[in-house]
Amino acid sequence: MKRSKNLRAADAKVDRERNYAPLEAVRLAKETSTTKF
């Protein structure tokens, strides 16, 4: 399945090997959200 530009950009911001602090994780989740409504 081909991935959209927004999804690829969000994926590039997240380091899957790293454990994030709770506040940083929430910030990152909001920043990489792909919903548009």
PDB file of N, CA and C in Angstrom:
ATOM      1  N   MET A   1       0.836  -1.172   0.000  1.00  0.00           N
ATOM      2  CA  MET A   1       0.000   0.000   0.000  1.00  0.00           C
ATOM      3  C   MET A   1       0.889   1.247   0.000  1.00  0.00           C
ATOM      4  N   LYS A   2       0.587   2.171  -0.869  1.00  0.00           N
ATOM      5  CA  LYS A   2       1.356   3.403  -0.969  1.00  0.00           C
ATOM      6  C   LYS A   2       0.993   4.345   0.178  1.00  0.00           C
ATOM      7  N   ARG A   3       2.002   4.986   0.754  1.00  0.00           N
ATOM      8  CA  ARG A   3       1.781   5.874   1.892  1.00  0.00           C
ATOM      9  C   ARG A   3       1.759   7.327   1.441  1.00  0.00           C
ATOM     10  N   SER A   4       0.876   8.117   2.039  1.00  0.00           N
ATOM     11  CA  SER A   4       0.726   9.522   1.677  1.00  0.00           C
ATOM     12  C   SER A   4       1.926  10.340   2.155  1.00  0.00           C
ATOM     13  N   LYS A   5       2.044  11.538   1.622  1.00  0.00           N
ATOM     14  CA  LYS A   5       3.134  12.439   2.013  1.00  0.00           C
ATOM     15  C   LYS A   5       3.059  12.769   3.498  1.00  0.00           C
ATOM     16  N   ASN A   6       1.852  13.044   3.984  1.00  0.00           N
ATOM     17  CA  ASN A   6       1.693  13.399   5.397  1.00  0.00           C
ATOM     18  C   ASN A   6       2.076  12.241   6.307  1.00  0.00           C
ATOM     19  N   LEU A   7       1.715  11.035   5.940  1.00  0.00           N
ATOM     20  CA  LEU A   7       2.040   9.874   6.763  1.00  0.00           C
ATOM     21  C   LEU A   7       3.541   9.602   6.754  1.00  0.00           C
ATOM     22  N   ARG A   8       4.176   9.761   5.605  1.00  0.00           N
ATOM     23  CA  ARG A   8       5.633   9.579   5.539  1.00  0.00           C
ATOM     24  C   ARG A   8       6.353  10.644   6.352  1.00  0.00           C
ATOM     25  N   ALA A   9       5.865  11.891   6.309  1.00  0.00           N
ATOM     26  CA  ALA A   9       6.480  12.976   7.077  1.00  0.00           C
ATOM     27  C   ALA A   9       6.324  12.728   8.579  1.00  0.00           C
ATOM     28  N   ALA A  10       5.161  12.257   8.991  1.00  0.00           N
ATOM     29  CA  ALA A  10       4.932  11.959  10.405  1.00  0.00           C
ATOM     30  C   ALA A  10       5.804  10.798  10.852  1.00  0.00           C
ATOM     31  N   ASP A  11       5.952   9.810  10.005  1.00  0.00           N
ATOM     32  CA  ASP A  11       6.771   8.642  10.334  1.00  0.00           C
ATOM     33  C   ASP A  11       8.241   9.027  10.491  1.00  0.00           C
ATOM     34  N   ALA A  12       8.686  10.013   9.730  1.00  0.00           N
ATOM     35  CA  ALA A  12      10.085  10.447   9.802  1.00  0.00           C
ATOM     36  C   ALA A  12      10.389  11.161  11.125  1.00  0.00           C
ATOM     37  N   LYS A  13       9.367  11.746  11.759  1.00  0.00           N
ATOM     38  CA  LYS A  13       9.571  12.485  13.007  1.00  0.00           C
ATOM     39  C   LYS A  13       9.674  11.578  14.227  1.00  0.00           C
ATOM     40  N   VAL A  14       9.189  10.339  14.117  1.00  0.00           N
ATOM     41  CA  VAL A  14       9.120   9.443  15.275  1.00  0.00           C
ATOM     42  C   VAL A  14      10.256   8.436  15.231  1.00  0.00           C
ATOM     43  N   ASP A  15      10.987   8.345  16.331  1.00  0.00           N
ATOM     44  CA  ASP A  15      12.036   7.333  16.474  1.00  0.00           C
ATOM     45  C   ASP A  15      11.421   6.133  17.187  1.00  0.00           C
ATOM     46  N   ARG A  16      11.230   5.043  16.475  1.00  0.00           N
ATOM     47  CA  ARG A  16      10.532   3.876  17.024  1.00  0.00           C
ATOM     48  C   ARG A  16      11.343   3.138  18.085  1.00  0.00           C
ATOM     49  N   GLU A  17      12.632   3.364  18.155  1.00  0.00           N
ATOM     50  CA  GLU A  17      13.482   2.693  19.138  1.00  0.00           C
ATOM     51  C   GLU A  17      13.560   3.459  20.460  1.00  0.00           C
ATOM     52  N   ARG A  18      13.073   4.686  20.486  1.00  0.00           N
ATOM     53  CA  ARG A  18      13.202   5.551  21.657  1.00  0.00           C
ATOM     54  C   ARG A  18      11.940   5.503  22.516  1.00  0.00           C
ATOM     55  N   ASN A  19      12.105   5.574  23.822  1.00  0.00           N
ATOM     56  CA  ASN A  19      10.986   5.727  24.752  1.00  0.00           C
ATOM     57  C   ASN A  19      10.846   7.205  25.071  1.00  0.00           C
ATOM     58  N   TYR A  20       9.675   7.770  24.779  1.00  0.00           N
ATOM     59  CA  TYR A  20       9.433   9.186  24.999  1.00  0.00           C
ATOM     60  C   TYR A  20       8.817   9.430  26.372  1.00  0.00           C
ATOM     61  N   ALA A  21       9.118  10.587  26.937  1.00  0.00           N
ATOM     62  CA  ALA A  21       8.472  11.011  28.179  1.00  0.00           C
ATOM     63  C   ALA A  21       6.997  11.285  27.870  1.00  0.00           C
ATOM     64  N   PRO A  22       6.108  11.151  28.858  1.00  0.00           N
ATOM     65  CA  PRO A  22       4.673  11.320  28.590  1.00  0.00           C
ATOM     66  C   PRO A  22       4.307  12.643  27.919  1.00  0.00           C
ATOM     67  N   LEU A  23       4.822  13.755  28.410  1.00  0.00           N
ATOM     68  CA  LEU A  23       4.485  15.048  27.804  1.00  0.00           C
ATOM     69  C   LEU A  23       5.009  15.152  26.377  1.00  0.00           C
ATOM     70  N   GLU A  24       6.203  14.662  26.156  1.00  0.00           N
ATOM     71  CA  GLU A  24       6.788  14.688  24.822  1.00  0.00           C
ATOM     72  C   GLU A  24       6.016  13.772  23.880  1.00  0.00           C
ATOM     73  N   ALA A  25       5.551  12.651  24.386  1.00  0.00           N
ATOM     74  CA  ALA A  25       4.784  11.711  23.570  1.00  0.00           C
ATOM     75  C   ALA A  25       3.452  12.319  23.136  1.00  0.00           C
ATOM     76  N   VAL A  26       2.797  13.023  24.042  1.00  0.00           N
ATOM     77  CA  VAL A  26       1.530  13.673  23.702  1.00  0.00           C
ATOM     78  C   VAL A  26       1.760  14.763  22.666  1.00  0.00           C
ATOM     79  N   ARG A  27       2.807  15.555  22.861  1.00  0.00           N
ATOM     80  CA  ARG A  27       3.123  16.615  21.891  1.00  0.00           C
ATOM     81  C   ARG A  27       3.382  16.023  20.517  1.00  0.00           C
ATOM     82  N   LEU A  28       4.147  14.951  20.478  1.00  0.00           N
ATOM     83  CA  LEU A  28       4.471  14.297  19.218  1.00  0.00           C
ATOM     84  C   LEU A  28       3.222  13.699  18.569  1.00  0.00           C
ATOM     85  N   ALA A  29       2.333  13.132  19.366  1.00  0.00           N
ATOM     86  CA  ALA A  29       1.091  12.562  18.836  1.00  0.00           C
ATOM     87  C   ALA A  29       0.216  13.646  18.212  1.00  0.00           C
ATOM     88  N   LYS A  30       0.122  14.792  18.863  1.00  0.00           N
ATOM     89  CA  LYS A  30      -0.670  15.896  18.316  1.00  0.00           C
ATOM     90  C   LYS A  30      -0.031  16.457  17.051  1.00  0.00           C
ATOM     91  N   GLU A  31       1.275  16.533  17.039  1.00  0.00           N
ATOM     92  CA  GLU A  31       2.010  17.089  15.899  1.00  0.00           C
ATOM     93  C   GLU A  31       1.918  16.194  14.665  1.00  0.00           C
ATOM     94  N   THR A  32       1.883  14.889  14.867  1.00  0.00           N
ATOM     95  CA  THR A  32       1.889  13.959  13.740  1.00  0.00           C
ATOM     96  C   THR A  32       0.500  13.447  13.380  1.00  0.00           C
ATOM     97  N   SER A  33      -0.531  13.998  13.986  1.00  0.00           N
ATOM     98  CA  SER A  33      -1.897  13.580  13.686  1.00  0.00           C
ATOM     99  C   SER A  33      -2.221  13.888  12.227  1.00  0.00           C
ATOM    100  N   THR A  34      -2.879  12.955  11.544  1.00  0.00           N
ATOM    101  CA  THR A  34      -3.178  13.141  10.121  1.00  0.00           C
ATOM    102  C   THR A  34      -4.654  13.407   9.863  1.00  0.00           C
ATOM    103  N   THR A  35      -5.471  13.545  10.912  1.00  0.00           N
ATOM    104  CA  THR A  35      -6.901  13.790  10.710  1.00  0.00           C
ATOM    105  C   THR A  35      -7.130  15.224  10.268  1.00  0.00           C
ATOM    106  N   LYS A  36      -8.124  15.400   9.406  1.00  0.00           N
ATOM    107  CA  LYS A  36      -8.445  16.727   8.878  1.00  0.00           C
ATOM    108  C   LYS A  36      -9.951  16.950   8.972  1.00  0.00           C
ATOM    109  N   PHE A  37     -10.401  17.358  10.161  1.00  0.00           N
ATOM    110  CA  PHE A  37     -11.822  17.688  10.290  1.00  0.00           C
ATOM    111  C   PHE A  37     -12.014  18.754  11.329  1.00  0.00           C
TER     112      PHE A  37
END
